[in-house]
Amino acid sequence: QVQLVESGGGLVQAGGSLRLSCAASGRSFSISDYGMGWFRQVQGKERELVSAITWSGRSGESTFYADFVKGRFTISRDSAKNTAYLQMNTLRPEDTAIYYCAAEYRLPYVPAPPSDFGYWGQGTQVIVSP
């Protein structure tokens, strides 16, 4: 069983930065073997993909960014710590949402819908004030 725990959310002014972390654990878990995704959800709206990275397969890994975060957010992972990150810069009030980390074993493609990820964290709230 894979467990994902997000942290790093909070309240920030517009233009500021936050770094979300997703600590992953599980029996023989190696984050390099998993595609990782960051989603966000606002109450009353569907969960949307923010950024994702494929597993580190033979041909390397690929990343995806939604248009609304390109140039502002960066996804990464630290294999030694089994942790994925979402660095969020130049935050805007419309970035306010609950952010979720997701994982799927050997996901070879991005973007991917929520249904393609089998493991989810509990979410972390991000609030960006004007």
Foldseek 3Di string as FASTA:
>chain_A
DKAWAKDWADEAAAQAKIKIKIQMDDVVDFLLQKKKWKWWDDPPDDIGTAKIKFRQDPVGMDMDGDPVQPPFWDWDDDRVRNMIMIIGGRDDQVVWTWMKMFIDGRDHDPDDDPVRTDYIYPTDTHGYHD
